[in-house]
Amino acid sequence: MTNKRSYSRYFIIFQEDDRGFGIAIDRPPTGYAKIENKNGRAKINFYVQNLLQEKGPYTACLIDATKNPPVLAKLGEINVDETGRGEVWWEYREDDIADTGIHIDRFNVACIMAEDQYPLSGQIGKERIEWKERLKNPVRQEDKEEELDEEAKKFIEYEERIKNEIEKIKEGEKVEEKDEVKVEEEENPRQLKGGAFAKVFHRILKDLEEVKLSTEFKNTRWWKVPLERPDFEPKLMPYYCIIYHLIFAYPYINYFIWMRRTGYYYFGLKYDDEGEIEYVVYGIIGENTKKDQPFFGATGFKKWIEVDGRGMWIMIYNPWTGMVMVP
């Protein structure tokens, strides 16, 4: 029997929640949680910046908000230095996070806690889940059985919607993937013929403006993706991981502060000799400075290139494996 190896990685981007913890009015706290699953182990990395050191200690948490009351997994303390930055990671069995007995896939909220307040939090998916009041004022499950059933039903419907959207995009292309980024030895999508995977991208990009960019990437086509498109469905924006998580909009939203100066970003398809997708490239216009580098390169924007008299930070992504490539 063939051993199966799987790998997945995703980010939960933090937004400011309870106010009053930023180091300055114009420098609100930000950060992210990065979750990697590999061979039954889950590595969880938290990164924060612009948090007031004196208002700590801060605790990194994951929350299963599908339950009532929500399940809070306290991972541990995250130390913040005098500049407001902190980073720490933990590793667990993927089916038992922080001794909760809960699988990592069930946690849909990440947050930073300071006593009974939450300076930073982020969620998976576009649908907002009200979890704070339920966490602060827990009620017994038997008193809210009907409400719990409704929450469970919403979560099941959400999962089904993801699966249905993926099937719609891939209908007729016979491209079989998972609704999570998984690579298995006995399934190799590169065996597909005729650039079937490329056709999926082409259908998504058909209403966007294709542009010519002079870059070091040969055999590559580029599209200009404006941020404001009232008649364009957000779920079809070619953002990070679109083939795998059509409704997970965070990879688009989290880069908005870097893209809003131009109002767009660039999306490139690098083809192999047979016309199939080799990898995709994301470009955000900016100067070769840390200030203009999205998340200081932590999410993959590690390389700066010159393009048409300007410059941009790029991230290279392999859609076959679900991995960000290091230039």
Protein backbone atom coordinates (compact mmCIF):
# COMPACT_ATOMS: atom_id res chain seq x y z
CA MET A 1 0.00 0.00 0.00
CA THR A 2 1.37 3.39 -1.00
CA ASN A 3 2.16 5.77 1.83
CA LYS A 4 0.48 9.12 1.36
CA ARG A 5 2.25 12.30 2.28
CA SER A 6 0.29 15.53 2.56
CA TYR A 7 1.23 19.14 3.06
CA SER A 8 -0.84 22.27 3.50
CA ARG A 9 -0.09 25.84 4.47
CA TYR A 10 -2.30 28.85 4.97
CA PHE A 11 -2.29 32.24 6.67
CA ILE A 12 -4.81 33.92 8.97
CA ILE A 13 -4.22 37.65 8.71
CA PHE A 14 -4.78 39.74 11.83
CA GLN A 15 -6.80 42.95 11.90
CA GLU A 16 -7.00 45.35 14.82
CA ASP A 17 -9.82 44.28 17.13
CA ASP A 18 -10.05 45.82 20.62
CA ARG A 19 -8.38 49.22 20.34
CA GLY A 20 -5.80 50.93 22.50
CA PHE A 21 -2.88 48.53 22.00
CA GLY A 22 -1.15 50.23 19.05
CA ILE A 23 2.19 51.98 19.47
CA ALA A 24 0.85 55.04 17.61
CA ILE A 25 -2.41 56.33 16.13
CA ASP A 26 -1.10 55.92 12.60
CA ARG A 27 0.55 52.56 13.35
CA PRO A 28 -2.16 50.10 14.36
CA PRO A 29 -1.14 46.56 15.34
CA THR A 30 -1.02 43.94 12.59
CA GLY A 31 0.31 40.44 12.09
CA TYR A 32 -0.62 36.94 11.01
CA ALA A 33 -0.80 33.31 12.03
CA LYS A 34 0.79 30.80 9.66
CA ILE A 35 -0.34 27.18 9.92
CA GLU A 36 1.55 24.34 8.25
CA ASN A 37 0.45 20.69 8.25
CA LYS A 38 2.89 18.00 7.27
CA ASN A 39 2.71 14.26 7.88
CA GLY A 40 0.37 14.54 10.84
CA ARG A 41 2.17 17.45 12.53
CA ALA A 42 0.94 21.03 12.72
CA LYS A 43 3.39 23.93 13.03
CA ILE A 44 1.76 27.19 14.11
CA ASN A 45 3.67 30.47 13.75
CA PHE A 46 2.44 33.81 15.14
CA TYR A 47 3.93 37.16 14.09
CA VAL A 48 2.80 40.59 15.40
CA GLN A 49 3.98 44.17 15.10
CA ASN A 50 3.07 47.62 16.45
CA LEU A 51 1.83 46.27 19.82
CA LEU A 52 2.54 48.25 22.99
CA GLN A 53 5.01 46.23 25.02
CA GLU A 54 3.80 47.58 28.37
CA LYS A 55 0.23 46.36 27.78
CA GLY A 56 1.34 42.73 27.68
CA PRO A 57 1.66 39.93 28.40
CA TYR A 58 0.05 38.75 25.19
CA THR A 59 -1.24 35.22 24.62
CA ALA A 60 -1.50 33.59 21.19
CA CYS A 61 -4.75 31.63 20.73
CA LEU A 62 -6.68 29.55 18.23
CA ILE A 63 -10.48 29.29 18.48
CA ASP A 64 -12.97 26.73 17.20
CA ALA A 65 -15.90 29.11 16.82
CA THR A 66 -18.19 26.44 15.39
CA LYS A 67 -18.85 25.18 18.90
CA ASN A 68 -20.99 26.87 21.51
CA PRO A 69 -19.32 28.02 23.63
CA PRO A 70 -16.26 28.38 21.36
CA VAL A 71 -13.20 26.31 22.24
CA LEU A 72 -10.19 28.46 23.12
CA ALA A 73 -6.75 26.89 22.66
CA LYS A 74 -4.11 28.98 24.43
CA LEU A 75 -0.85 28.23 22.64
CA GLY A 76 1.42 30.33 24.82
CA GLU A 77 2.82 33.78 25.40
CA ILE A 78 4.25 35.90 22.61
CA ASN A 79 6.93 38.32 23.79
CA VAL A 80 6.85 41.77 22.23
CA ASP A 81 10.01 43.88 22.07
CA GLU A 82 10.30 47.65 22.46
CA THR A 83 9.55 48.15 18.75
CA GLY A 84 6.23 46.34 19.11
CA ARG A 85 7.26 43.15 17.29
CA GLY A 86 7.08 39.56 18.40
CA GLU A 87 7.27 36.13 16.79
CA VAL A 88 6.95 32.59 18.17
CA TRP A 89 5.93 29.13 16.99
CA TRP A 90 4.63 25.84 18.37
CA GLU A 91 4.30 22.32 16.99
CA TYR A 92 1.58 19.77 17.84
CA ARG A 93 0.00 16.62 16.57
CA GLU A 94 -2.51 17.89 14.01
CA ASP A 95 -5.40 16.10 15.79
CA ASP A 96 -4.62 17.45 19.26
CA ILE A 97 -3.84 21.16 19.38
CA ALA A 98 -2.71 22.44 22.80
CA ASP A 99 -4.25 19.42 24.60
CA THR A 100 -7.76 20.25 23.35
CA GLY A 101 -8.22 16.99 21.43
CA ILE A 102 -9.36 19.07 18.45
CA HIS A 103 -7.95 18.78 14.93
CA ILE A 104 -6.18 21.85 13.52
CA ASP A 105 -8.69 22.03 10.66
CA ARG A 106 -11.50 22.85 13.09
CA PHE A 107 -9.93 26.11 14.29
CA ASN A 108 -11.26 29.01 12.22
CA VAL A 109 -10.19 32.00 14.34
CA ALA A 110 -6.74 33.12 15.50
CA CYS A 111 -6.24 35.95 17.97
CA ILE A 112 -3.93 37.71 20.40
CA MET A 113 -5.36 37.98 23.92
CA ALA A 114 -4.41 40.45 26.66
CA GLU A 115 -6.31 39.56 29.82
CA ASP A 116 -9.96 39.79 28.70
CA GLN A 117 -9.33 41.85 25.55
CA TYR A 118 -8.31 40.93 22.03
CA PRO A 119 -5.99 43.45 20.32
CA LEU A 120 -5.71 41.34 17.16
CA SER A 121 -7.86 38.69 15.54
CA GLY A 122 -8.43 37.06 12.18
CA GLN A 123 -10.79 34.52 10.68
CA ILE A 124 -10.79 31.99 7.86
CA GLY A 125 -13.31 32.81 5.14
CA LYS A 126 -15.32 35.87 4.19
CA GLU A 127 -18.30 35.16 6.44
CA ARG A 128 -17.80 36.91 9.78
CA ILE A 129 -18.35 34.81 12.88
CA GLU A 130 -19.38 36.50 16.15
CA TRP A 131 -17.21 34.67 18.67
CA LYS A 132 -16.10 37.21 21.30
CA GLU A 133 -19.36 37.59 23.20
CA ARG A 134 -19.94 33.84 23.17
CA LEU A 135 -16.41 33.34 24.48
CA LYS A 136 -16.74 35.97 27.23
CA ASN A 137 -20.22 34.85 28.25
CA PRO A 138 -20.31 31.08 27.73
CA VAL A 139 -23.60 29.24 28.06
CA ARG A 140 -24.08 25.57 28.67
CA GLN A 141 -24.48 23.51 25.53
CA GLU A 142 -27.70 21.88 26.77
CA ASP A 143 -29.28 25.33 27.20
CA LYS A 144 -28.46 26.25 23.60
CA GLU A 145 -28.90 22.99 21.75
CA GLU A 146 -30.96 24.57 19.00
CA GLU A 147 -28.40 27.38 18.49
CA LEU A 148 -25.55 24.89 18.39
CA ASP A 149 -27.32 22.90 15.71
CA GLU A 150 -27.74 26.06 13.67
CA GLU A 151 -24.03 26.95 13.99
CA ALA A 152 -23.05 23.44 12.97
CA LYS A 153 -25.39 23.63 9.99
CA LYS A 154 -23.82 26.92 8.85
CA PHE A 155 -20.34 25.43 9.01
CA ILE A 156 -21.40 22.37 6.99
CA GLU A 157 -23.06 24.62 4.40
CA TYR A 158 -19.89 26.71 4.24
CA GLU A 159 -17.74 23.65 3.54
CA GLU A 160 -20.17 22.46 0.88
CA ARG A 161 -20.15 25.89 -0.79
CA ILE A 162 -16.36 25.75 -1.09
CA LYS A 163 -16.55 22.33 -2.71
CA ASN A 164 -19.29 23.41 -5.11
CA GLU A 165 -17.42 26.54 -6.19
CA ILE A 166 -14.31 24.51 -6.92
CA GLU A 167 -16.31 22.05 -9.01
CA LYS A 168 -17.91 24.87 -11.01
CA ILE A 169 -14.53 26.34 -11.92
CA LYS A 170 -13.12 22.98 -12.93
CA GLU A 171 -16.17 21.56 -14.71
CA GLY A 172 -15.15 20.16 -18.07
CA GLU A 173 -11.44 20.52 -17.35
CA LYS A 174 -11.13 17.26 -15.40
CA VAL A 175 -8.70 18.84 -12.99
CA GLU A 176 -9.04 17.06 -9.69
CA GLU A 177 -7.72 18.82 -6.62
CA LYS A 178 -8.63 18.93 -2.96
CA ASP A 179 -10.39 21.78 -1.10
CA GLU A 180 -7.16 21.96 0.88
CA VAL A 181 -3.63 22.10 -0.48
CA LYS A 182 -2.64 18.43 -0.53
CA VAL A 183 0.01 16.58 -2.51
CA GLU A 184 -0.27 12.82 -2.77
CA GLU A 185 2.20 10.50 -4.44
CA GLU A 186 -0.39 8.59 -6.44
CA GLU A 187 -2.05 11.73 -7.90
CA ASN A 188 0.08 13.89 -10.18
CA PRO A 189 -1.84 16.71 -11.92
CA ARG A 190 1.07 17.26 -14.32
CA GLN A 191 -0.09 14.15 -16.16
CA LEU A 192 -2.93 16.25 -17.62
CA LYS A 193 -2.64 16.91 -21.36
CA GLY A 194 -3.29 19.98 -23.48
CA GLY A 195 -2.77 22.66 -20.86
CA ALA A 196 -6.00 21.85 -19.02
CA PHE A 197 -4.86 23.65 -15.88
CA ALA A 198 -3.92 26.73 -17.91
CA LYS A 199 -7.45 26.84 -19.36
CA VAL A 200 -8.86 27.20 -15.85
CA PHE A 201 -6.75 30.33 -15.31
CA HIS A 202 -7.54 31.67 -18.79
CA ARG A 203 -11.26 31.48 -18.10
CA ILE A 204 -10.81 33.39 -14.85
CA LEU A 205 -8.64 36.04 -16.53
CA LYS A 206 -10.61 36.54 -19.75
CA ASP A 207 -12.23 39.84 -18.64
CA LEU A 208 -9.02 41.37 -17.27
CA GLU A 209 -6.56 43.59 -19.10
CA GLU A 210 -3.53 41.71 -20.41
CA VAL A 211 -0.38 43.85 -20.41
CA LYS A 212 3.17 43.55 -21.71
CA LEU A 213 5.85 43.76 -19.02
CA SER A 214 9.58 43.58 -19.61
CA THR A 215 10.80 41.29 -16.83
CA GLU A 216 13.29 38.50 -16.32
CA PHE A 217 10.49 35.93 -16.55
CA LYS A 218 10.47 34.42 -20.02
CA ASN A 219 7.45 32.78 -21.64
CA THR A 220 5.17 34.65 -19.24
CA ARG A 221 1.89 36.50 -19.78
CA TRP A 222 0.81 39.29 -17.42
CA TRP A 223 -2.55 40.73 -16.40
CA LYS A 224 -3.34 43.94 -14.57
CA VAL A 225 -5.81 43.32 -11.75
CA PRO A 226 -7.61 46.48 -10.53
CA LEU A 227 -8.89 46.50 -6.97
CA GLU A 228 -12.21 48.15 -7.80
CA ARG A 229 -14.33 46.11 -10.21
CA PRO A 230 -18.06 46.36 -9.32
CA ASP A 231 -19.15 43.88 -12.00
CA PHE A 232 -16.46 41.29 -11.25
CA GLU A 233 -17.10 38.53 -8.73
CA PRO A 234 -14.50 38.73 -5.90
CA LYS A 235 -14.33 34.94 -5.70
CA LEU A 236 -12.83 34.90 -9.21
CA MET A 237 -10.03 37.36 -8.49
CA PRO A 238 -6.70 35.70 -9.24
CA TYR A 239 -5.34 36.06 -5.74
CA TYR A 240 -3.08 33.71 -3.83
CA CYS A 241 -4.32 30.09 -3.76
CA ILE A 242 -7.41 30.79 -5.93
CA ILE A 243 -7.59 27.26 -7.30
CA TYR A 244 -7.68 25.74 -3.85
CA HIS A 245 -9.65 28.22 -1.70
CA LEU A 246 -12.02 30.23 -3.88
CA ILE A 247 -13.87 31.78 -0.96
CA PHE A 248 -10.88 32.36 1.32
CA ALA A 249 -10.41 36.05 0.51
CA TYR A 250 -7.65 36.82 3.02
CA PRO A 251 -4.78 36.39 0.53
CA TYR A 252 -6.28 39.27 -1.48
CA ILE A 253 -7.36 41.49 1.42
CA ASN A 254 -4.17 41.35 3.43
CA TYR A 255 -2.07 43.04 0.71
CA PHE A 256 -4.51 45.91 0.19
CA ILE A 257 -2.42 48.44 2.10
CA TRP A 258 0.43 47.91 -0.38
CA MET A 259 -1.76 47.81 -3.50
CA ARG A 260 -4.03 50.78 -2.83
CA ARG A 261 -1.36 53.30 -3.84
CA THR A 262 -1.61 52.14 -7.44
CA GLY A 263 -5.07 50.60 -7.27
CA TYR A 264 -3.97 47.34 -8.88
CA TYR A 265 -1.53 44.46 -8.81
CA TYR A 266 0.03 42.27 -11.51
CA PHE A 267 -0.69 38.59 -12.04
CA GLY A 268 1.60 36.51 -14.28
CA LEU A 269 1.39 33.00 -15.73
CA LYS A 270 4.72 31.28 -16.46
CA TYR A 271 4.27 28.52 -19.05
CA ASP A 272 6.35 25.43 -19.73
CA ASP A 273 7.30 24.22 -23.21
CA GLU A 274 3.96 22.41 -23.62
CA GLY A 275 1.83 25.45 -22.81
CA GLU A 276 0.91 24.28 -19.33
CA ILE A 277 1.26 26.40 -16.19
CA GLU A 278 4.67 26.08 -14.60
CA TYR A 279 4.04 28.60 -11.83
CA VAL A 280 2.26 31.90 -11.21
CA VAL A 281 3.76 35.26 -10.22
CA TYR A 282 2.22 38.08 -8.19
CA GLY A 283 3.65 41.60 -8.47
CA ILE A 284 3.02 44.64 -6.26
CA ILE A 285 4.51 47.95 -7.36
CA GLY A 286 6.87 49.48 -4.80
CA GLU A 287 10.38 50.66 -4.07
CA ASN A 288 13.22 48.38 -3.01
CA THR A 289 12.70 49.16 0.68
CA LYS A 290 11.42 47.23 3.69
CA LYS A 291 8.55 49.70 3.97
CA ASP A 292 7.27 48.72 0.54
CA GLN A 293 7.93 44.97 0.95
CA PRO A 294 4.66 43.20 1.88
CA PHE A 295 4.95 41.73 5.38
CA PHE A 296 8.75 42.06 5.14
CA GLY A 297 8.79 38.99 2.85
CA ALA A 298 7.19 36.67 5.42
CA THR A 299 4.38 35.67 3.02
CA GLY A 300 6.61 35.10 -0.02
CA PHE A 301 7.29 38.56 -1.47
CA LYS A 302 11.03 38.17 -1.10
CA LYS A 303 12.32 39.41 -4.47
CA TRP A 304 12.32 42.90 -5.95
CA ILE A 305 12.70 43.34 -9.72
CA GLU A 306 12.84 46.27 -12.09
CA VAL A 307 9.96 46.51 -14.52
CA ASP A 308 9.23 49.21 -17.10
CA GLY A 309 11.29 51.87 -15.36
CA ARG A 310 9.83 51.10 -11.97
CA GLY A 311 10.07 48.20 -9.57
CA MET A 312 7.85 45.67 -7.90
CA TRP A 313 7.95 43.02 -5.21
CA ILE A 314 7.05 39.57 -6.47
CA MET A 315 5.86 36.30 -5.01
CA ILE A 316 6.20 33.07 -7.00
CA TYR A 317 3.63 30.35 -6.34
CA ASN A 318 3.52 26.74 -7.53
CA PRO A 319 -0.18 25.83 -8.08
CA TRP A 320 0.68 22.15 -8.48
CA THR A 321 2.00 21.76 -4.95
CA GLY A 322 0.42 24.70 -3.11
CA MET A 323 3.88 25.97 -2.16
CA VAL A 324 5.37 29.46 -2.28
CA MET A 325 8.66 29.27 -4.14
CA VAL A 326 11.78 31.04 -2.88
CA PRO A 327 13.41 33.03 -5.73
